[in-house]
Protein backbone atom coordinates (compact mmCIF):
# COMPACT_ATOMS: atom_id res chain seq x y z
CA MET A 1 0.05 -0.10 0.14
CA ALA A 2 1.45 3.33 -1.03
CA THR A 3 1.54 6.23 1.43
CA GLU A 4 0.04 9.65 0.30
CA GLN A 5 2.75 12.20 -0.04
CA ILE A 6 1.95 16.01 -0.43
CA ASN A 7 4.12 18.79 -1.89
CA LEU A 8 1.87 21.96 -1.46
CA ALA A 9 3.00 25.40 -0.64
CA VAL A 10 1.03 28.32 -0.25
CA ILE A 11 3.09 31.80 0.58
CA ALA A 12 1.88 35.54 0.59
CA GLY A 13 4.51 38.21 0.38
CA ASN A 14 6.08 40.99 -1.32
CA LEU A 15 8.27 40.90 -4.42
CA GLY A 16 11.83 41.77 -3.74
CA ARG A 17 12.54 43.08 -7.07
CA ASP A 18 10.72 43.26 -10.49
CA PRO A 19 9.96 40.11 -12.11
CA GLU A 20 12.15 38.56 -14.74
CA LEU A 21 10.20 37.51 -17.72
CA THR A 22 11.85 35.61 -20.52
CA TYR A 23 10.88 33.40 -23.30
CA ILE A 24 12.46 29.80 -23.79
CA GLY A 25 13.25 28.33 -27.31
CA SER A 26 9.87 27.05 -27.62
CA GLY A 27 8.26 30.61 -27.33
CA GLU A 28 6.86 29.77 -23.71
CA ALA A 29 7.06 32.41 -21.09
CA LEU A 30 9.03 31.94 -18.13
CA CYS A 31 8.75 34.59 -15.25
CA LYS A 32 11.21 34.23 -12.08
CA LEU A 33 10.09 36.09 -8.87
CA ASN A 34 11.79 36.64 -5.80
CA VAL A 35 9.24 36.82 -2.71
CA ALA A 36 9.96 37.90 0.81
CA THR A 37 7.75 36.49 3.64
CA LYS A 38 8.22 37.96 6.97
CA MET A 39 7.66 35.79 10.42
CA ASN A 40 7.22 37.72 13.82
CA TYR A 41 8.13 35.90 17.04
CA LEU A 42 8.80 36.75 20.48
CA ARG A 43 12.07 35.93 22.15
CA ASP A 44 13.15 36.83 25.64
CA GLY A 45 10.19 39.15 25.92
CA GLU A 46 11.02 41.01 22.79
CA TRP A 47 9.52 40.92 19.39
CA LYS A 48 11.83 39.87 16.60
CA SER A 49 11.15 39.34 12.83
CA LYS A 50 12.82 36.93 10.15
CA THR A 51 12.45 37.45 6.44
CA THR A 52 12.51 34.23 4.50
CA TRP A 53 13.27 34.49 0.61
CA HIS A 54 11.47 32.32 -1.97
CA ARG A 55 12.41 31.78 -5.44
CA VAL A 56 9.33 31.32 -7.47
CA VAL A 57 8.95 30.13 -11.15
CA VAL A 58 5.92 30.78 -13.33
CA TRP A 59 5.16 29.34 -16.89
CA GLY A 60 3.02 30.35 -19.73
CA LYS A 61 0.34 32.89 -19.84
CA GLN A 62 0.29 33.35 -16.32
CA ALA A 63 4.12 34.12 -16.37
CA GLU A 64 3.09 37.03 -18.82
CA ARG A 65 0.57 38.40 -16.45
CA VAL A 66 2.75 38.29 -13.59
CA GLY A 67 5.56 39.82 -15.49
CA THR A 68 3.68 42.98 -15.17
CA LEU A 69 3.96 43.03 -11.46
CA LYS A 70 6.51 45.72 -9.62
CA LYS A 71 8.85 45.39 -6.78
CA GLY A 72 7.05 45.63 -3.33
CA ASP A 73 3.62 44.35 -4.95
CA HIS A 74 2.13 41.90 -2.35
CA ILE A 75 1.18 38.50 -3.91
CA LEU A 76 -0.08 35.17 -2.83
CA VAL A 77 1.46 32.08 -4.62
CA GLN A 78 0.26 28.26 -4.51
CA GLY A 79 2.20 25.63 -5.90
CA SER A 80 4.99 22.97 -5.08
CA TYR A 81 8.64 23.10 -4.36
CA GLU A 82 10.99 21.38 -6.67
CA ASN A 83 14.82 20.92 -6.81
CA ASP A 84 16.57 23.49 -8.95
CA ASP A 85 19.89 22.08 -9.39
CA TYR A 86 22.33 23.19 -12.02
CA GLU A 87 25.98 23.26 -13.15
CA LYS A 88 28.06 26.39 -13.89
CA ASP A 89 31.89 26.67 -14.57
CA GLY A 90 31.98 22.82 -13.49
CA VAL A 91 30.46 23.67 -9.74
CA LYS A 92 27.16 21.79 -9.09
CA HIS A 93 24.88 24.18 -7.47
CA TYR A 94 21.61 23.05 -5.59
CA GLY A 95 18.51 24.88 -4.57
CA MET A 96 14.78 24.87 -4.44
CA ALA A 97 12.13 26.93 -6.12
CA LEU A 98 8.37 27.02 -5.83
CA LYS A 99 6.92 26.08 -9.05
CA ALA A 100 3.69 28.30 -9.36
CA LYS A 101 0.26 26.93 -10.27
CA VAL A 102 -1.64 30.24 -9.02
CA VAL A 103 -0.21 33.66 -8.49
CA GLN A 104 -2.64 36.18 -7.25
CA SER A 105 -2.16 40.00 -6.73
CA CYS A 106 -3.04 41.09 -3.41
CA ASN A 107 -2.61 45.00 -4.03
CA PHE A 108 -5.15 47.02 -2.78
CA ALA A 109 -5.60 50.78 -3.74
CA LYS A 110 -4.75 53.14 -1.38
CA SER A 111 -7.15 55.91 -0.08
CA GLY A 112 -7.84 58.12 -3.08
CA GLU A 113 -5.87 56.03 -5.54
CA ASP A 114 -7.33 54.16 -8.44
CA GLN A 115 -10.58 53.51 -6.84
CA PRO A 116 -13.55 53.51 -9.01
CA LYS A 117 -15.48 56.95 -9.08
CA PRO A 118 -19.13 57.08 -8.22
CA SER A 119 -21.40 57.12 -11.20
CA ALA A 120 -22.44 60.55 -12.11
CA GLN A 121 -25.94 59.03 -13.02
CA PRO A 122 -28.40 58.32 -10.08
CA GLU A 123 -29.24 54.87 -9.56
CA PRO A 124 -32.71 53.89 -11.24
CA ASP A 125 -35.78 53.66 -9.04
CA PRO A 126 -37.02 50.25 -9.10
CA SER A 127 -40.83 51.44 -8.96
CA ASP A 128 -40.19 53.27 -12.30
CA GLU A 129 -39.37 49.76 -14.04
CA ASP A 130 -41.53 47.27 -15.24
CA LEU A 131 -40.82 44.21 -13.29
CA PRO A 132 -41.55 40.74 -14.70
CA PHE A 133 -43.35 39.50 -11.63
């Protein structure tokens, strides 16, 4: 009987730099992101924080979409961690990257910025309309 195994990661953090959008030989889009997450904890009666950096890779149409984000943007990423090993100048390098399945921007407009303007036309009065029931 096989034991179930799960490789699922969900992170919410901020982009540490602008996304790196490139296209591979087949024409498929690849976007690399560096996402910072911060954990606050209490040690010896004093609050401290620790930042963890996550390397994230996004493929296809979603890569093109997230390629428009900017440094500092708040995002949520869901995917799975994969080994990201390579050799450069004869030296083997080992790492892990979060292969994204879903990337969601969590940016919200600040007060007075890019918020929808109220309509200049008044709402129609329901009593003025012919209702089908």
